[in-house]
Amino acid sequence: MAKKFRLKAEDIKPLATGHGGCIASDMITCQGRPVGFMYREKPDHDLDSGWRFMAGLEDQDYMDDADNHGIYDVNTIANCDPTIIPLLDSPEGSVFERTPGARDLRPVTDWEPPED
């Protein structure tokens, strides 16, 4: 079944170009939820930014299903949620979350990205 994205391709503007690819949850790209959790790990390849974006509501079963996320240009996710843009130049190992009711994401210091 084809995914139904919240934004149409023609509606995506150049807000955060040149950052490369990322992985994002369908809760952001299809359901239109804001980014609630984001982290940057070592990139998997030259086109990968290392950024991983989730709404923060995904449970482990959801995340374990590859059909629930995809690979996108970071600019696409910035169009879904522009509040991520000021954080995109953060180094590998950076982690941010949005607390309930907050507009902006805040740094997290007590979480480690999963190991491969």
N, C-alpha and C. Protein backbone atom coordinates (compact mmCIF):
# COMPACT_ATOMS: atom_id res chain seq x y z
N MET A 1 0.84 -1.18 0.00
CA MET A 1 0.00 0.00 0.00
C MET A 1 0.88 1.25 0.00
N ALA A 2 0.59 2.18 -0.86
CA ALA A 2 1.36 3.42 -0.96
C ALA A 2 1.06 4.33 0.23
N LYS A 3 2.09 5.02 0.69
CA LYS A 3 1.91 5.96 1.80
C LYS A 3 1.24 7.23 1.30
N LYS A 4 0.41 7.80 2.15
CA LYS A 4 -0.22 9.09 1.85
C LYS A 4 0.46 10.14 2.73
N PHE A 5 1.32 10.95 2.09
CA PHE A 5 2.10 11.95 2.82
C PHE A 5 1.28 13.19 3.11
N ARG A 6 1.57 13.81 4.25
CA ARG A 6 0.87 15.03 4.65
C ARG A 6 1.15 16.17 3.70
N LEU A 7 2.40 16.29 3.25
CA LEU A 7 2.77 17.35 2.32
C LEU A 7 2.89 16.79 0.90
N LYS A 8 2.42 17.55 -0.06
CA LYS A 8 2.62 17.20 -1.46
C LYS A 8 4.01 17.68 -1.87
N ALA A 9 4.62 16.99 -2.82
CA ALA A 9 5.97 17.34 -3.27
C ALA A 9 6.06 18.80 -3.70
N GLU A 10 5.03 19.30 -4.38
CA GLU A 10 5.08 20.68 -4.86
C GLU A 10 4.96 21.71 -3.74
N ASP A 11 4.57 21.28 -2.53
CA ASP A 11 4.44 22.19 -1.40
C ASP A 11 5.72 22.30 -0.58
N ILE A 12 6.71 21.47 -0.88
CA ILE A 12 7.96 21.48 -0.12
C ILE A 12 8.85 22.61 -0.62
N LYS A 13 9.24 23.47 0.34
CA LYS A 13 10.06 24.65 0.04
C LYS A 13 11.51 24.40 0.48
N PRO A 14 12.46 25.13 -0.07
CA PRO A 14 13.87 24.96 0.32
C PRO A 14 14.17 25.66 1.66
N LEU A 15 13.81 25.01 2.76
CA LEU A 15 14.00 25.59 4.09
C LEU A 15 15.31 25.16 4.74
N ALA A 16 15.77 23.94 4.43
CA ALA A 16 16.97 23.40 5.07
C ALA A 16 17.67 22.47 4.08
N THR A 17 18.10 23.03 2.98
CA THR A 17 18.73 22.22 1.94
C THR A 17 20.20 21.94 2.27
N GLY A 18 20.72 20.89 1.65
CA GLY A 18 22.14 20.58 1.78
C GLY A 18 22.52 19.79 3.01
N HIS A 19 21.55 19.30 3.76
CA HIS A 19 21.87 18.54 4.97
C HIS A 19 21.96 17.05 4.71
N GLY A 20 21.45 16.58 3.59
CA GLY A 20 21.51 15.16 3.28
C GLY A 20 20.24 14.43 3.68
N GLY A 21 20.35 13.12 3.76
CA GLY A 21 19.20 12.28 4.07
C GLY A 21 19.04 12.01 5.55
N CYS A 22 17.89 11.45 5.89
CA CYS A 22 17.59 11.13 7.28
C CYS A 22 16.55 10.01 7.30
N ILE A 23 16.27 9.52 8.48
CA ILE A 23 15.19 8.56 8.67
C ILE A 23 14.14 9.25 9.52
N ALA A 24 12.87 9.11 9.12
CA ALA A 24 11.78 9.75 9.86
C ALA A 24 10.59 8.80 9.96
N SER A 25 9.88 8.93 11.03
CA SER A 25 8.68 8.14 11.30
C SER A 25 7.51 8.63 10.46
N ASP A 26 6.65 7.70 10.08
CA ASP A 26 5.42 8.06 9.36
C ASP A 26 4.50 8.93 10.21
N MET A 27 4.66 8.90 11.52
CA MET A 27 3.83 9.78 12.36
C MET A 27 4.09 11.24 12.01
N ILE A 28 5.30 11.54 11.53
CA ILE A 28 5.64 12.90 11.11
C ILE A 28 5.23 13.12 9.65
N THR A 29 5.69 12.25 8.76
CA THR A 29 5.52 12.48 7.33
C THR A 29 4.12 12.19 6.81
N CYS A 30 3.42 11.26 7.44
CA CYS A 30 2.08 10.89 6.97
C CYS A 30 0.96 11.42 7.88
N GLN A 31 1.17 11.33 9.18
CA GLN A 31 0.13 11.76 10.12
C GLN A 31 0.21 13.23 10.48
N GLY A 32 1.34 13.88 10.16
CA GLY A 32 1.46 15.31 10.40
C GLY A 32 1.79 15.71 11.82
N ARG A 33 2.28 14.78 12.62
CA ARG A 33 2.66 15.13 14.00
C ARG A 33 3.99 15.87 13.98
N PRO A 34 4.22 16.77 14.94
CA PRO A 34 5.51 17.46 14.99
C PRO A 34 6.62 16.50 15.46
N VAL A 35 7.85 16.86 15.18
CA VAL A 35 8.99 16.10 15.69
C VAL A 35 8.98 16.24 17.20
N GLY A 36 8.99 15.12 17.88
CA GLY A 36 9.01 15.13 19.34
C GLY A 36 10.32 14.62 19.89
N PHE A 37 11.10 13.94 19.04
CA PHE A 37 12.37 13.37 19.46
C PHE A 37 13.26 13.26 18.23
N MET A 38 14.48 13.74 18.35
CA MET A 38 15.42 13.67 17.23
C MET A 38 16.82 13.45 17.77
N TYR A 39 17.59 12.65 17.05
CA TYR A 39 18.97 12.45 17.43
C TYR A 39 19.83 12.30 16.19
N ARG A 40 21.12 12.55 16.39
CA ARG A 40 22.06 12.46 15.27
C ARG A 40 23.14 11.46 15.62
N GLU A 41 23.20 10.42 14.80
CA GLU A 41 24.22 9.40 14.98
C GLU A 41 25.23 9.48 13.85
N LYS A 42 26.24 8.64 13.91
CA LYS A 42 27.21 8.59 12.82
C LYS A 42 26.48 8.20 11.55
N PRO A 43 26.66 8.94 10.46
CA PRO A 43 25.98 8.61 9.20
C PRO A 43 26.33 7.22 8.70
N ASP A 44 25.36 6.59 8.03
CA ASP A 44 25.56 5.26 7.46
C ASP A 44 26.32 5.30 6.15
N HIS A 45 26.29 6.44 5.45
CA HIS A 45 26.96 6.59 4.16
C HIS A 45 27.08 8.08 3.85
N ASP A 46 27.67 8.41 2.71
CA ASP A 46 27.96 9.81 2.36
C ASP A 46 26.73 10.70 2.25
N LEU A 47 25.59 10.16 1.85
CA LEU A 47 24.39 10.97 1.68
C LEU A 47 23.55 11.07 2.95
N ASP A 48 23.92 10.33 3.97
CA ASP A 48 23.17 10.29 5.23
C ASP A 48 23.67 11.40 6.16
N SER A 49 22.73 12.17 6.71
CA SER A 49 23.09 13.22 7.68
C SER A 49 23.32 12.65 9.07
N GLY A 50 22.78 11.46 9.32
CA GLY A 50 22.83 10.89 10.66
C GLY A 50 21.61 11.23 11.49
N TRP A 51 20.75 12.14 11.00
CA TRP A 51 19.57 12.54 11.76
C TRP A 51 18.48 11.48 11.70
N ARG A 52 17.83 11.27 12.84
CA ARG A 52 16.69 10.36 12.98
C ARG A 52 15.58 11.14 13.69
N PHE A 53 14.38 11.14 13.10
CA PHE A 53 13.28 11.96 13.60
C PHE A 53 12.07 11.10 13.92
N MET A 54 11.51 11.30 15.11
CA MET A 54 10.31 10.60 15.55
C MET A 54 9.34 11.59 16.19
N ALA A 55 8.10 11.21 16.24
CA ALA A 55 7.11 12.05 16.92
C ALA A 55 7.26 11.92 18.43
N GLY A 56 7.84 10.81 18.88
CA GLY A 56 7.99 10.58 20.31
C GLY A 56 6.88 9.73 20.88
N LEU A 57 5.96 9.30 20.03
CA LEU A 57 4.82 8.48 20.46
C LEU A 57 4.95 7.03 20.00
N GLU A 58 5.97 6.75 19.21
CA GLU A 58 6.16 5.43 18.65
C GLU A 58 6.61 4.44 19.73
N ASP A 59 5.98 3.28 19.77
CA ASP A 59 6.45 2.24 20.68
C ASP A 59 7.42 1.33 19.92
N GLN A 60 7.99 0.36 20.62
CA GLN A 60 8.99 -0.49 20.00
C GLN A 60 8.42 -1.30 18.84
N ASP A 61 7.19 -1.81 18.97
CA ASP A 61 6.58 -2.56 17.88
C ASP A 61 6.44 -1.69 16.63
N TYR A 62 6.05 -0.45 16.81
CA TYR A 62 5.92 0.49 15.69
C TYR A 62 7.28 0.68 15.02
N MET A 63 8.31 0.94 15.82
CA MET A 63 9.64 1.20 15.29
C MET A 63 10.25 -0.04 14.63
N ASP A 64 9.90 -1.22 15.12
CA ASP A 64 10.44 -2.45 14.55
C ASP A 64 9.87 -2.76 13.17
N ASP A 65 8.77 -2.13 12.79
CA ASP A 65 8.14 -2.34 11.49
C ASP A 65 8.71 -1.32 10.50
N ALA A 66 9.54 -1.79 9.58
CA ALA A 66 10.19 -0.90 8.61
C ALA A 66 9.20 -0.11 7.77
N ASP A 67 7.98 -0.58 7.64
CA ASP A 67 6.97 0.14 6.87
C ASP A 67 6.52 1.43 7.54
N ASN A 68 6.88 1.63 8.81
CA ASN A 68 6.43 2.81 9.57
C ASN A 68 7.40 3.97 9.54
N HIS A 69 8.47 3.86 8.77
CA HIS A 69 9.40 4.98 8.62
C HIS A 69 10.04 4.90 7.26
N GLY A 70 10.73 5.95 6.89
CA GLY A 70 11.35 5.99 5.58
C GLY A 70 12.55 6.90 5.56
N ILE A 71 13.22 6.92 4.41
CA ILE A 71 14.39 7.75 4.20
C ILE A 71 13.95 8.99 3.41
N TYR A 72 14.31 10.16 3.91
CA TYR A 72 13.89 11.42 3.32
C TYR A 72 15.06 12.39 3.30
N ASP A 73 14.95 13.43 2.51
CA ASP A 73 15.86 14.55 2.59
C ASP A 73 15.50 15.32 3.87
N VAL A 74 16.49 15.78 4.60
CA VAL A 74 16.23 16.53 5.83
C VAL A 74 15.31 17.72 5.55
N ASN A 75 15.44 18.32 4.38
CA ASN A 75 14.59 19.45 4.03
C ASN A 75 13.10 19.08 4.08
N THR A 76 12.77 17.86 3.71
CA THR A 76 11.37 17.41 3.77
C THR A 76 10.86 17.45 5.20
N ILE A 77 11.66 16.98 6.13
CA ILE A 77 11.25 16.96 7.55
C ILE A 77 11.20 18.39 8.09
N ALA A 78 12.10 19.25 7.63
CA ALA A 78 12.06 20.66 8.04
C ALA A 78 10.77 21.33 7.56
N ASN A 79 10.26 20.92 6.43
CA ASN A 79 8.97 21.44 5.95
C ASN A 79 7.82 20.90 6.79
N CYS A 80 7.95 19.69 7.28
CA CYS A 80 6.91 19.12 8.16
C CYS A 80 6.92 19.82 9.52
N ASP A 81 8.11 20.17 10.00
CA ASP A 81 8.26 20.80 11.31
C ASP A 81 9.47 21.74 11.30
N PRO A 82 9.26 23.01 10.96
CA PRO A 82 10.37 23.97 10.87
C PRO A 82 11.11 24.23 12.17
N THR A 83 10.57 23.82 13.32
CA THR A 83 11.27 24.08 14.58
C THR A 83 12.58 23.29 14.68
N ILE A 84 12.79 22.30 13.82
CA ILE A 84 14.05 21.54 13.85
C ILE A 84 15.21 22.29 13.21
N ILE A 85 14.92 23.26 12.37
CA ILE A 85 15.95 23.90 11.55
C ILE A 85 17.12 24.46 12.36
N PRO A 86 16.90 25.17 13.47
CA PRO A 86 18.06 25.71 14.21
C PRO A 86 18.97 24.63 14.80
N LEU A 87 18.51 23.39 14.86
CA LEU A 87 19.27 22.32 15.49
C LEU A 87 20.04 21.46 14.49
N LEU A 88 19.84 21.65 13.21
CA LEU A 88 20.36 20.73 12.21
C LEU A 88 21.88 20.72 12.06
N ASP A 89 22.56 21.74 12.53
CA ASP A 89 24.03 21.75 12.47
C ASP A 89 24.66 21.20 13.75
N SER A 90 23.85 20.65 14.64
CA SER A 90 24.36 20.05 15.87
C SER A 90 25.21 18.83 15.53
N PRO A 91 26.22 18.54 16.34
CA PRO A 91 27.13 17.44 16.02
C PRO A 91 26.53 16.05 16.26
N GLU A 92 27.22 15.04 15.74
CA GLU A 92 26.84 13.66 16.02
C GLU A 92 26.77 13.47 17.53
N GLY A 93 25.81 12.68 17.97
CA GLY A 93 25.62 12.45 19.40
C GLY A 93 24.60 13.39 20.02
N SER A 94 24.15 14.39 19.26
CA SER A 94 23.14 15.33 19.77
C SER A 94 21.78 14.66 19.84
N VAL A 95 21.03 14.99 20.89
CA VAL A 95 19.70 14.43 21.10
C VAL A 95 18.81 15.57 21.60
N PHE A 96 17.59 15.65 21.04
CA PHE A 96 16.64 16.70 21.43
C PHE A 96 15.25 16.08 21.58
N GLU A 97 14.47 16.66 22.49
CA GLU A 97 13.08 16.22 22.66
C GLU A 97 12.20 17.42 22.90
N ARG A 98 10.91 17.23 22.61
CA ARG A 98 9.91 18.26 22.88
C ARG A 98 9.05 17.75 24.03
N THR A 99 9.00 18.51 25.10
CA THR A 99 8.13 18.11 26.21
C THR A 99 6.69 18.49 25.88
N PRO A 100 5.72 17.80 26.44
CA PRO A 100 4.32 18.10 26.13
C PRO A 100 3.99 19.58 26.33
N GLY A 101 3.38 20.17 25.31
CA GLY A 101 2.97 21.56 25.36
C GLY A 101 4.05 22.57 24.98
N ALA A 102 5.30 22.10 24.80
CA ALA A 102 6.39 23.01 24.45
C ALA A 102 6.43 23.27 22.95
N ARG A 103 6.85 24.45 22.58
CA ARG A 103 6.98 24.78 21.16
C ARG A 103 8.30 24.26 20.60
N ASP A 104 9.37 24.40 21.36
CA ASP A 104 10.70 24.05 20.86
C ASP A 104 11.23 22.76 21.49
N LEU A 105 12.19 22.18 20.81
CA LEU A 105 12.88 20.99 21.32
C LEU A 105 14.00 21.43 22.25
N ARG A 106 14.30 20.60 23.23
CA ARG A 106 15.36 20.91 24.19
C ARG A 106 16.39 19.79 24.19
N PRO A 107 17.63 20.09 24.54
CA PRO A 107 18.68 19.07 24.56
C PRO A 107 18.38 17.99 25.60
N VAL A 108 18.77 16.78 25.29
CA VAL A 108 18.66 15.64 26.19
C VAL A 108 20.08 15.16 26.47
N THR A 109 20.40 14.93 27.72
CA THR A 109 21.76 14.51 28.05
C THR A 109 21.83 13.10 28.64
N ASP A 110 20.68 12.46 28.84
CA ASP A 110 20.69 11.14 29.48
C ASP A 110 20.17 10.02 28.57
N TRP A 111 20.40 10.15 27.26
CA TRP A 111 19.94 9.14 26.31
C TRP A 111 21.05 8.85 25.33
N GLU A 112 21.26 7.59 25.03
CA GLU A 112 22.25 7.18 24.05
C GLU A 112 21.56 6.55 22.85
N PRO A 113 21.97 6.91 21.62
CA PRO A 113 21.39 6.27 20.44
C PRO A 113 21.59 4.76 20.46
N PRO A 114 20.69 4.01 19.86
CA PRO A 114 20.84 2.55 19.82
C PRO A 114 22.08 2.16 19.03
N GLU A 115 22.69 1.07 19.43
CA GLU A 115 23.87 0.57 18.71
C GLU A 115 23.41 -0.41 17.64
N ASP A 116 24.13 -0.42 16.54
CA ASP A 116 23.79 -1.33 15.44
C ASP A 116 24.13 -2.76 15.78
